[in-house]
Each structure stands twice: as C-alpha cells, then as structure tokens.
Amino acid sequence: MKLVGLGKTDTGMKRKINQDAIACREDLGLFVVADGMGGHKAGEIASGIVIDSMTRFIKATKEDQNITWPFPYDDKYSYEGNRLGVSIKIANQLIFHESKAEESFKGMGSTVAAILFSEATSHFAHVGDSRIYRIRDGAITQMTEDHSLLNAEMKRRKMTPEEIHSFPYKNVITRALGSQEKVDVEIREEIVRPRDLYLICSDGLSGLVDAEEMKDIFIQSPEDLESVGTRLVDLANERGGIDNISVVLVTTQAPGKWKTS
C-alpha cells in the first residue's frame, strides 16, 4: 500500500499563537493532529509533546519490536492498534507531569486524532474533539465521535439544528490529554481500500466547514492534496478563522498489498 500525505496548519484570523501541531510521516504510516490548550504558550507546548512523543514511540517500536512498553497490551485491539494507543498514553503522562512540575504550564492539555497504517489496515485513535473523516466512493464518513458536552447532549436527546447552533457549551470537551494521569483512548480499526482519502482536522476547521463541503473540495481536485489542503484552510479563514486550523490529508494508492474483506 502506498500512502501520500500532506499537512497544513494555520494560526487563523483571531489567535496570536498557533497551538495546533501536526505530523505527516509517510515513512512511519503515522498521521496526527493535536490541538493544544492552556494559557500563554502552554497549549503549544502540550501539542508539541503529543507529536514528538508519539513519533518517537512509533519509530522506536518499528525499529525494535522487542522494546518494552510502559503500558499493558489490550487484547481488544491489534498489535498496531496497541502501538498507537500506547503512544497517546505516553503523551498524556508527559503532559500531565509537565503541567504539575511547571506553574506556567498548569492546566495545559491537548486533543489528539491520529491514524497509523499497517499493510492494508488503518488504525484510528482519538481523545477530544479533533476529528477523522474518510472519503470513499464519493461519500464522507466521520470516523471519530467527539468527546464534548455538545455530543453528550446530542446523544441524550434529539436536538434541532437551531439548538445545536446555539448550544452554549459546544466548545467544552469532556476528555483531553494531560487533565488526568490516565486517559481513555478511543481506538477503531478497519480495512483500507485503494483511493480512500482520510482527513484529520482540529475543530478550527470542522467548526466552520461541514463534512459535505470538505468532500466537495476534495472531489474537485482528488489528485492535488496541496490544493485541497489550501482551500480547506482558506475557507475556514474566510468564515472568520476564529481558531487555529489544522488539516492532514492521506490518500491510499496502489500498488501495494490489499485485503479483500
């Protein structure tokens, strides 16, 4: 399986600092968006820890499969799913302890949404409200479920579009890296098909550009990820750019090894 990826991150129109961070590592099959939070530059540091620690762990375990893991293996997931989940748990502990050790980092945290590819399988993991979408056969599907107060309320009762739009706590997340010493990482795995597109983004994009618009932009230029990424960021900025905007795009292309079921 051949992977082609592209990542873009932008400060937006309202913020002075970009607290998002991304990874686009075709060589490792790892693609990540982290949306940091915290006063001063703490959010920037938290998201940077996520990207650095995840990349280092995935690289180390690729080079040496016998390396000792700091967390136990979870039988519900594959080996690769466990690698991805453990890399996020390590990031969580690092952020948690850094926030306790330095007063200016108190309360810092980060969301994360990540994909790790192995042969013909994609492994998704996320904490918070950064999202993963898949575009396949002309349809877009959200592969993650926001850990947010809004999503919890939507699961509790049926809400009208007007109620969703006016919900006062829509930006409050219920799970983040760094808030507790342990974190529950949501993991999902599926077989990949040739010509799938995966889109990972922070809420700076998904809060201003809906899924169908993302799909339409990709369909207009499916072979030009640079153009797709630029147009997505530009559209979010045209609509106010109220937050940092990050997008990572990955396409799965032949030739390579593919499963049929």
C-alpha atoms as a PDB file:
ATOM      1  CA  MET A   1       0.000   0.000   0.000  1.00  0.00           C
ATOM      2  CA  LYS A   2       1.315   3.400  -0.990  1.00  0.00           C
ATOM      3  CA  LEU A   3       0.467   6.394   1.189  1.00  0.00           C
ATOM      4  CA  VAL A   4       0.541  10.008   0.041  1.00  0.00           C
ATOM      5  CA  GLY A   5       0.077  12.601   2.773  1.00  0.00           C
ATOM      6  CA  LEU A   6       0.010  16.343   3.230  1.00  0.00           C
ATOM      7  CA  GLY A   7      -0.393  18.512   6.316  1.00  0.00           C
ATOM      8  CA  LYS A   8      -1.238  22.189   6.820  1.00  0.00           C
ATOM      9  CA  THR A   9      -1.616  24.214   9.996  1.00  0.00           C
ATOM     10  CA  ASP A  10      -2.553  27.877  10.246  1.00  0.00           C
ATOM     11  CA  THR A  11      -2.900  30.351  13.111  1.00  0.00           C
ATOM     12  CA  GLY A  12      -6.267  31.593  11.824  1.00  0.00           C
ATOM     13  CA  MET A  13      -7.586  35.134  11.928  1.00  0.00           C
ATOM     14  CA  LYS A  14      -8.156  35.666  15.651  1.00  0.00           C
ATOM     15  CA  ARG A  15      -5.365  33.916  17.568  1.00  0.00           C
ATOM     16  CA  LYS A  16      -1.816  35.209  18.037  1.00  0.00           C
ATOM     17  CA  ILE A  17      -0.254  31.793  18.609  1.00  0.00           C
ATOM     18  CA  ASN A  18      -0.805  28.523  16.790  1.00  0.00           C
ATOM     19  CA  GLN A  19      -1.352  25.903  19.494  1.00  0.00           C
ATOM     20  CA  ASP A  20      -2.044  23.138  16.964  1.00  0.00           C
ATOM     21  CA  ALA A  21       0.657  20.696  15.885  1.00  0.00           C
ATOM     22  CA  ILE A  22       0.657  18.029  13.178  1.00  0.00           C
ATOM     23  CA  ALA A  23       2.623  15.016  12.000  1.00  0.00           C
ATOM     24  CA  CYS A  24       2.619  13.670   8.460  1.00  0.00           C
ATOM     25  CA  ARG A  25       5.039  10.734   8.441  1.00  0.00           C
ATOM     26  CA  GLU A  26       4.581   8.586   5.352  1.00  0.00           C
ATOM     27  CA  ASP A  27       7.693   6.609   6.331  1.00  0.00           C
ATOM     28  CA  LEU A  28       6.066   5.534   9.616  1.00  0.00           C
ATOM     29  CA  GLY A  29       2.494   5.386   8.352  1.00  0.00           C
ATOM     30  CA  LEU A  30       1.649   7.910  11.102  1.00  0.00           C
ATOM     31  CA  PHE A  31      -0.568  10.973  10.695  1.00  0.00           C
ATOM     32  CA  VAL A  32      -1.614  13.158  13.646  1.00  0.00           C
ATOM     33  CA  VAL A  33      -3.399  16.384  14.563  1.00  0.00           C
ATOM     34  CA  ALA A  34      -3.074  17.742  18.113  1.00  0.00           C
ATOM     35  CA  ASP A  35      -4.962  20.827  19.326  1.00  0.00           C
ATOM     36  CA  GLY A  36      -3.292  22.278  22.416  1.00  0.00           C
ATOM     37  CA  MET A  37      -4.949  24.297  25.145  1.00  0.00           C
ATOM     38  CA  GLY A  38      -3.673  26.386  28.040  1.00  0.00           C
ATOM     39  CA  GLY A  39      -2.596  29.929  28.872  1.00  0.00           C
ATOM     40  CA  HIS A  40       0.392  31.750  27.366  1.00  0.00           C
ATOM     41  CA  LYS A  41       2.270  29.155  25.265  1.00  0.00           C
ATOM     42  CA  ALA A  42       1.260  26.105  27.325  1.00  0.00           C
ATOM     43  CA  GLY A  43      -1.082  24.754  24.653  1.00  0.00           C
ATOM     44  CA  GLU A  44       1.649  24.991  22.047  1.00  0.00           C
ATOM     45  CA  ILE A  45       3.937  23.012  24.341  1.00  0.00           C
ATOM     46  CA  ALA A  46       1.280  20.365  25.042  1.00  0.00           C
ATOM     47  CA  SER A  47       0.538  19.723  21.366  1.00  0.00           C
ATOM     48  CA  GLY A  48       4.272  19.651  20.642  1.00  0.00           C
ATOM     49  CA  ILE A  49       4.734  16.977  23.305  1.00  0.00           C
ATOM     50  CA  VAL A  50       1.999  14.911  21.657  1.00  0.00           C
ATOM     51  CA  ILE A  51       3.623  14.983  18.232  1.00  0.00           C
ATOM     52  CA  ASP A  52       7.172  14.442  19.491  1.00  0.00           C
ATOM     53  CA  SER A  53       6.412  11.609  21.914  1.00  0.00           C
ATOM     54  CA  MET A  54       4.061   9.759  19.565  1.00  0.00           C
ATOM     55  CA  THR A  55       6.509   9.952  16.680  1.00  0.00           C
ATOM     56  CA  ARG A  56       9.397   8.756  18.836  1.00  0.00           C
ATOM     57  CA  PHE A  57       7.451   5.777  20.203  1.00  0.00           C
ATOM     58  CA  ILE A  58       6.100   4.680  16.818  1.00  0.00           C
ATOM     59  CA  LYS A  59       9.574   4.973  15.296  1.00  0.00           C
ATOM     60  CA  ALA A  60      11.230   3.092  18.186  1.00  0.00           C
ATOM     61  CA  THR A  61       8.725   0.229  18.069  1.00  0.00           C
ATOM     62  CA  LYS A  62       9.067  -0.036  14.301  1.00  0.00           C
ATOM     63  CA  GLU A  63      12.841  -0.367  14.602  1.00  0.00           C
ATOM     64  CA  ASP A  64      12.751  -2.756  17.586  1.00  0.00           C
ATOM     65  CA  GLN A  65       9.607  -4.831  18.139  1.00  0.00           C
ATOM     66  CA  ASN A  66      11.021  -6.215  21.384  1.00  0.00           C
ATOM     67  CA  ILE A  67      11.208  -2.824  23.085  1.00  0.00           C
ATOM     68  CA  THR A  68       9.500  -2.677  26.481  1.00  0.00           C
ATOM     69  CA  TRP A  69       6.163  -0.839  26.564  1.00  0.00           C
ATOM     70  CA  PRO A  70       5.176   1.264  29.610  1.00  0.00           C
ATOM     71  CA  PHE A  71       1.517   0.177  29.347  1.00  0.00           C
ATOM     72  CA  PRO A  72      -0.041  -3.299  29.102  1.00  0.00           C
ATOM     73  CA  TYR A  73      -1.308  -4.819  25.861  1.00  0.00           C
ATOM     74  CA  ASP A  74      -5.066  -4.550  25.252  1.00  0.00           C
ATOM     75  CA  ASP A  75      -6.446  -7.736  23.654  1.00  0.00           C
ATOM     76  CA  LYS A  76      -9.382  -5.855  22.116  1.00  0.00           C
ATOM     77  CA  TYR A  77      -7.053  -4.348  19.514  1.00  0.00           C
ATOM     78  CA  SER A  78      -4.346  -5.471  17.123  1.00  0.00           C
ATOM     79  CA  TYR A  79      -0.645  -5.021  17.739  1.00  0.00           C
ATOM     80  CA  GLU A  80      -0.635  -1.844  15.627  1.00  0.00           C
ATOM     81  CA  GLY A  81      -3.730  -0.505  17.372  1.00  0.00           C
ATOM     82  CA  ASN A  82      -1.971  -1.035  20.675  1.00  0.00           C
ATOM     83  CA  ARG A  83       1.142   0.755  19.432  1.00  0.00           C
ATOM     84  CA  LEU A  84      -0.934   3.770  18.520  1.00  0.00           C
ATOM     85  CA  GLY A  85      -2.912   3.748  21.768  1.00  0.00           C
ATOM     86  CA  VAL A  86       0.201   3.411  23.916  1.00  0.00           C
ATOM     87  CA  SER A  87       1.910   6.271  22.075  1.00  0.00           C
ATOM     88  CA  ILE A  88      -1.015   8.518  23.081  1.00  0.00           C
ATOM     89  CA  LYS A  89      -0.990   7.308  26.689  1.00  0.00           C
ATOM     90  CA  ILE A  90       2.710   8.165  26.909  1.00  0.00           C
ATOM     91  CA  ALA A  91       1.975  11.660  25.599  1.00  0.00           C
ATOM     92  CA  ASN A  92      -0.782  12.044  28.179  1.00  0.00           C
ATOM     93  CA  GLN A  93       1.537  11.199  31.069  1.00  0.00           C
ATOM     94  CA  LEU A  94       4.246  13.537  29.818  1.00  0.00           C
ATOM     95  CA  ILE A  95       1.811  16.456  29.574  1.00  0.00           C
ATOM     96  CA  PHE A  96       0.277  15.655  32.955  1.00  0.00           C
ATOM     97  CA  HIS A  97       3.643  15.602  34.743  1.00  0.00           C
ATOM     98  CA  GLU A  98       4.940  18.692  32.919  1.00  0.00           C
ATOM     99  CA  SER A  99       1.835  20.622  33.983  1.00  0.00           C
ATOM    100  CA  LYS A 100       2.464  19.639  37.611  1.00  0.00           C
ATOM    101  CA  ALA A 101       6.161  20.480  37.508  1.00  0.00           C
ATOM    102  CA  GLU A 102       5.925  23.982  35.995  1.00  0.00           C
ATOM    103  CA  GLU A 103       3.477  26.590  37.297  1.00  0.00           C
ATOM    104  CA  SER A 104       3.121  28.333  33.931  1.00  0.00           C
ATOM    105  CA  PHE A 105       2.065  25.001  32.371  1.00  0.00           C
ATOM    106  CA  LYS A 106      -0.683  24.344  34.914  1.00  0.00           C
ATOM    107  CA  GLY A 107      -3.879  23.193  33.234  1.00  0.00           C
ATOM    108  CA  MET A 108      -2.331  22.661  29.810  1.00  0.00           C
ATOM    109  CA  GLY A 109      -3.654  19.861  27.657  1.00  0.00           C
ATOM    110  CA  SER A 110      -4.300  18.732  24.127  1.00  0.00           C
ATOM    111  CA  THR A 111      -6.697  16.817  21.957  1.00  0.00           C
ATOM    112  CA  VAL A 112      -5.359  14.242  19.522  1.00  0.00           C
ATOM    113  CA  ALA A 113      -6.638  12.448  16.442  1.00  0.00           C
ATOM    114  CA  ALA A 114      -4.302  10.008  14.733  1.00  0.00           C
ATOM    115  CA  ILE A 115      -4.102   7.279  12.118  1.00  0.00           C
ATOM    116  CA  LEU A 116      -1.473   4.545  11.926  1.00  0.00           C
ATOM    117  CA  PHE A 117      -1.424   2.460   8.733  1.00  0.00           C
ATOM    118  CA  SER A 118      -0.102  -1.100   8.535  1.00  0.00           C
ATOM    119  CA  GLU A 119      -0.300  -3.142   5.352  1.00  0.00           C
ATOM    120  CA  ALA A 120      -3.956  -2.676   4.330  1.00  0.00           C
ATOM    121  CA  THR A 121      -5.378  -1.666   7.707  1.00  0.00           C
ATOM    122  CA  SER A 122      -5.973   1.774   9.194  1.00  0.00           C
ATOM    123  CA  HIS A 123      -5.910   2.208  12.964  1.00  0.00           C
ATOM    124  CA  PHE A 124      -7.663   5.305  14.332  1.00  0.00           C
ATOM    125  CA  ALA A 125      -7.248   6.770  17.818  1.00  0.00           C
ATOM    126  CA  HIS A 126      -8.532   9.974  19.348  1.00  0.00           C
ATOM    127  CA  VAL A 127      -9.078  11.928  22.544  1.00  0.00           C
ATOM    128  CA  GLY A 128     -11.148  15.129  22.487  1.00  0.00           C
ATOM    129  CA  ASP A 129     -12.862  16.801  19.543  1.00  0.00           C
ATOM    130  CA  SER A 130     -10.260  16.716  16.792  1.00  0.00           C
ATOM    131  CA  ARG A 131     -11.752  14.545  14.081  1.00  0.00           C
ATOM    132  CA  ILE A 132     -11.005  11.917  11.453  1.00  0.00           C
ATOM    133  CA  TYR A 133     -13.084  11.659   8.270  1.00  0.00           C
ATOM    134  CA  ARG A 134     -12.928   9.083   5.490  1.00  0.00           C
ATOM    135  CA  ILE A 135     -13.970   9.804   1.906  1.00  0.00           C
ATOM    136  CA  ARG A 136     -14.764   6.625  -0.031  1.00  0.00           C
ATOM    137  CA  ASP A 137     -16.787   6.109  -3.213  1.00  0.00           C
ATOM    138  CA  GLY A 138     -17.982   9.712  -3.184  1.00  0.00           C
ATOM    139  CA  ALA A 139     -19.284   9.634   0.410  1.00  0.00           C
ATOM    140  CA  ILE A 140     -17.765  11.137   3.559  1.00  0.00           C
ATOM    141  CA  THR A 141     -17.972   9.432   6.969  1.00  0.00           C
ATOM    142  CA  GLN A 142     -16.869  10.787  10.330  1.00  0.00           C
ATOM    143  CA  MET A 143     -14.741   8.036  11.890  1.00  0.00           C
ATOM    144  CA  THR A 144     -14.485   9.572  15.371  1.00  0.00           C
ATOM    145  CA  GLU A 145     -17.033  10.708  17.929  1.00  0.00           C
ATOM    146  CA  ASP A 146     -16.342  13.998  19.708  1.00  0.00           C
ATOM    147  CA  HIS A 147     -15.629  13.844  23.432  1.00  0.00           C
ATOM    148  CA  SER A 148     -17.598  17.034  24.068  1.00  0.00           C
ATOM    149  CA  LEU A 149     -20.548  18.353  26.052  1.00  0.00           C
ATOM    150  CA  LEU A 150     -22.420  19.043  22.831  1.00  0.00           C
ATOM    151  CA  ASN A 151     -22.035  15.481  21.609  1.00  0.00           C
ATOM    152  CA  ALA A 152     -23.066  14.141  25.018  1.00  0.00           C
ATOM    153  CA  GLU A 153     -26.214  16.289  24.886  1.00  0.00           C
ATOM    154  CA  MET A 154     -26.966  15.155  21.322  1.00  0.00           C
ATOM    155  CA  LYS A 155     -26.752  11.535  22.465  1.00  0.00           C
ATOM    156  CA  ARG A 156     -29.031  12.272  25.407  1.00  0.00           C
ATOM    157  CA  ARG A 157     -31.801  13.864  23.330  1.00  0.00           C
ATOM    158  CA  LYS A 158     -32.704  14.789  19.776  1.00  0.00           C
ATOM    159  CA  MET A 159     -31.628  18.369  19.078  1.00  0.00           C
ATOM    160  CA  THR A 160     -32.745  20.662  16.271  1.00  0.00           C
ATOM    161  CA  PRO A 161     -30.129  22.378  14.079  1.00  0.00           C
ATOM    162  CA  GLU A 162     -31.002  25.646  15.823  1.00  0.00           C
ATOM    163  CA  GLU A 163     -30.427  24.107  19.267  1.00  0.00           C
ATOM    164  CA  ILE A 164     -27.102  22.681  18.146  1.00  0.00           C
ATOM    165  CA  HIS A 165     -26.013  26.035  16.734  1.00  0.00           C
ATOM    166  CA  SER A 166     -26.970  27.945  19.899  1.00  0.00           C
ATOM    167  CA  PHE A 167     -25.755  25.366  22.437  1.00  0.00           C
ATOM    168  CA  PRO A 168     -23.696  27.461  24.903  1.00  0.00           C
ATOM    169  CA  TYR A 169     -21.044  24.847  25.719  1.00  0.00           C
ATOM    170  CA  LYS A 170     -20.324  23.448  22.262  1.00  0.00           C
ATOM    171  CA  ASN A 171     -16.567  24.026  22.614  1.00  0.00           C
ATOM    172  CA  VAL A 172     -16.256  22.303  26.000  1.00  0.00           C
ATOM    173  CA  ILE A 173     -14.567  18.919  25.706  1.00  0.00           C
ATOM    174  CA  THR A 174     -15.050  16.086  28.178  1.00  0.00           C
ATOM    175  CA  ARG A 175     -11.754  14.310  27.584  1.00  0.00           C
ATOM    176  CA  ALA A 176      -8.254  15.631  26.872  1.00  0.00           C
ATOM    177  CA  LEU A 177      -4.618  14.645  27.207  1.00  0.00           C
ATOM    178  CA  GLY A 178      -2.961  15.971  30.351  1.00  0.00           C
ATOM    179  CA  SER A 179      -6.004  16.508  32.538  1.00  0.00           C
ATOM    180  CA  GLN A 180      -5.556  13.203  34.377  1.00  0.00           C
ATOM    181  CA  GLU A 181      -2.633  10.828  34.830  1.00  0.00           C
ATOM    182  CA  LYS A 182      -4.539   8.136  32.924  1.00  0.00           C
ATOM    183  CA  VAL A 183      -6.606   8.645  29.800  1.00  0.00           C
ATOM    184  CA  ASP A 184      -9.126   6.505  27.943  1.00  0.00           C
ATOM    185  CA  VAL A 185      -8.064   6.397  24.293  1.00  0.00           C
ATOM    186  CA  GLU A 186     -10.769   5.519  21.785  1.00  0.00           C
ATOM    187  CA  ILE A 187      -9.430   3.147  19.106  1.00  0.00           C
ATOM    188  CA  ARG A 188     -11.000   1.867  15.908  1.00  0.00           C
ATOM    189  CA  GLU A 189      -9.636  -0.261  13.086  1.00  0.00           C
ATOM    190  CA  GLU A 190     -10.756  -1.017   9.533  1.00  0.00           C
ATOM    191  CA  ILE A 191      -9.550  -2.429   6.244  1.00  0.00           C
ATOM    192  CA  VAL A 192      -8.351   0.186   3.749  1.00  0.00           C
ATOM    193  CA  ARG A 193      -9.351   0.328   0.099  1.00  0.00           C
ATOM    194  CA  PRO A 194      -7.372   1.824  -2.780  1.00  0.00           C
ATOM    195  CA  ARG A 195      -8.172   5.510  -3.345  1.00  0.00           C
ATOM    196  CA  ASP A 196      -9.535   6.097   0.131  1.00  0.00           C
ATOM    197  CA  LEU A 197      -8.919   9.600   1.461  1.00  0.00           C
ATOM    198  CA  TYR A 198      -8.535  10.240   5.179  1.00  0.00           C
ATOM    199  CA  LEU A 199      -8.832  13.747   6.578  1.00  0.00           C
ATOM    200  CA  ILE A 200      -7.742  14.602  10.137  1.00  0.00           C
ATOM    201  CA  CYS A 201      -8.526  18.059  11.464  1.00  0.00           C
ATOM    202  CA  SER A 202      -8.785  20.287  14.506  1.00  0.00           C
ATOM    203  CA  ASP A 203     -12.083  21.946  15.397  1.00  0.00           C
ATOM    204  CA  GLY A 204     -10.786  25.146  13.833  1.00  0.00           C
ATOM    205  CA  LEU A 205     -11.724  23.506  10.528  1.00  0.00           C
ATOM    206  CA  SER A 206     -14.684  21.271  11.461  1.00  0.00           C
ATOM    207  CA  GLY A 207     -16.355  24.082  13.405  1.00  0.00           C
ATOM    208  CA  LEU A 208     -16.583  26.250  10.283  1.00  0.00           C
ATOM    209  CA  VAL A 209     -16.601  23.842   7.343  1.00  0.00           C
ATOM    210  CA  ASP A 210     -19.062  20.968   7.302  1.00  0.00           C
ATOM    211  CA  ALA A 211     -18.299  17.441   6.149  1.00  0.00           C
ATOM    212  CA  GLU A 212     -20.079  17.699   2.800  1.00  0.00           C
ATOM    213  CA  GLU A 213     -18.119  20.833   1.947  1.00  0.00           C
ATOM    214  CA  MET A 214     -14.869  19.034   2.799  1.00  0.00           C
ATOM    215  CA  LYS A 215     -15.876  16.170   0.498  1.00  0.00           C
ATOM    216  CA  ASP A 216     -16.816  18.504  -2.368  1.00  0.00           C
ATOM    217  CA  ILE A 217     -13.472  20.311  -2.166  1.00  0.00           C
ATOM    218  CA  PHE A 218     -11.613  17.011  -2.358  1.00  0.00           C
ATOM    219  CA  ILE A 219     -13.714  15.665  -5.227  1.00  0.00           C
ATOM    220  CA  GLN A 220     -12.878  18.759  -7.285  1.00  0.00           C
ATOM    221  CA  SER A 221      -9.111  18.029  -7.042  1.00  0.00           C
ATOM    222  CA  PRO A 222      -8.618  14.411  -5.871  1.00  0.00           C
ATOM    223  CA  GLU A 223      -5.052  14.207  -7.164  1.00  0.00           C
ATOM    224  CA  ASP A 224      -3.897  17.548  -5.753  1.00  0.00           C
ATOM    225  CA  LEU A 225      -3.725  17.360  -1.956  1.00  0.00           C
ATOM    226  CA  GLU A 226      -1.827  20.656  -1.791  1.00  0.00           C
ATOM    227  CA  SER A 227      -4.736  22.428  -3.432  1.00  0.00           C
ATOM    228  CA  VAL A 228      -7.311  20.635  -1.264  1.00  0.00           C
ATOM    229  CA  GLY A 229      -5.487  21.498   1.961  1.00  0.00           C
ATOM    230  CA  THR A 230      -5.051  25.141   0.954  1.00  0.00           C
ATOM    231  CA  ARG A 231      -8.706  25.534   0.009  1.00  0.00           C
ATOM    232  CA  LEU A 232      -9.904  23.986   3.280  1.00  0.00           C
ATOM    233  CA  VAL A 233      -7.749  26.330   5.381  1.00  0.00           C
ATOM    234  CA  ASP A 234      -8.688  29.340   3.249  1.00  0.00           C
ATOM    235  CA  LEU A 235     -12.403  28.580   3.583  1.00  0.00           C
ATOM    236  CA  ALA A 236     -12.167  28.369   7.388  1.00  0.00           C
ATOM    237  CA  ASN A 237     -10.339  31.707   7.427  1.00  0.00           C
ATOM    238  CA  GLU A 238     -12.909  33.285   5.100  1.00  0.00           C
ATOM    239  CA  ARG A 239     -15.572  32.309   7.644  1.00  0.00           C
ATOM    240  CA  GLY A 240     -13.795  34.081  10.465  1.00  0.00           C
ATOM    241  CA  GLY A 241     -10.813  31.866  11.288  1.00  0.00           C
ATOM    242  CA  ILE A 242     -11.800  32.006  14.963  1.00  0.00           C
ATOM    243  CA  ASP A 243      -9.373  29.256  15.982  1.00  0.00           C
ATOM    244  CA  ASN A 244      -6.164  27.639  14.789  1.00  0.00           C
ATOM    245  CA  ILE A 245      -6.812  25.487  11.721  1.00  0.00           C
ATOM    246  CA  SER A 246      -5.065  22.189  11.030  1.00  0.00           C
ATOM    247  CA  VAL A 247      -5.675  19.530   8.412  1.00  0.00           C
ATOM    248  CA  VAL A 248      -3.787  16.361   7.499  1.00  0.00           C
ATOM    249  CA  LEU A 249      -4.779  14.547   4.299  1.00  0.00           C
ATOM    250  CA  VAL A 250      -3.793  10.981   3.393  1.00  0.00           C
ATOM    251  CA  THR A 251      -4.666   9.008   0.278  1.00  0.00           C
ATOM    252  CA  THR A 252      -4.147   5.268  -0.120  1.00  0.00           C
ATOM    253  CA  GLN A 253      -2.864   4.413  -3.559  1.00  0.00           C
ATOM    254  CA  ALA A 254      -1.938   1.266  -5.463  1.00  0.00           C
ATOM    255  CA  PRO A 255       0.391  -0.560  -5.959  1.00  0.00           C
ATOM    256  CA  GLY A 256       0.725  -2.441  -2.698  1.00  0.00           C
ATOM    257  CA  LYS A 257      -0.727  -5.165  -0.516  1.00  0.00           C
ATOM    258  CA  TRP A 258      -4.511  -5.106  -0.174  1.00  0.00           C
ATOM    259  CA  LYS A 259      -7.050  -7.226   1.644  1.00  0.00           C
ATOM    260  CA  THR A 260     -10.383  -8.117   0.095  1.00  0.00           C
ATOM    261  CA  SER A 261     -12.538  -8.371   3.227  1.00  0.00           C
END
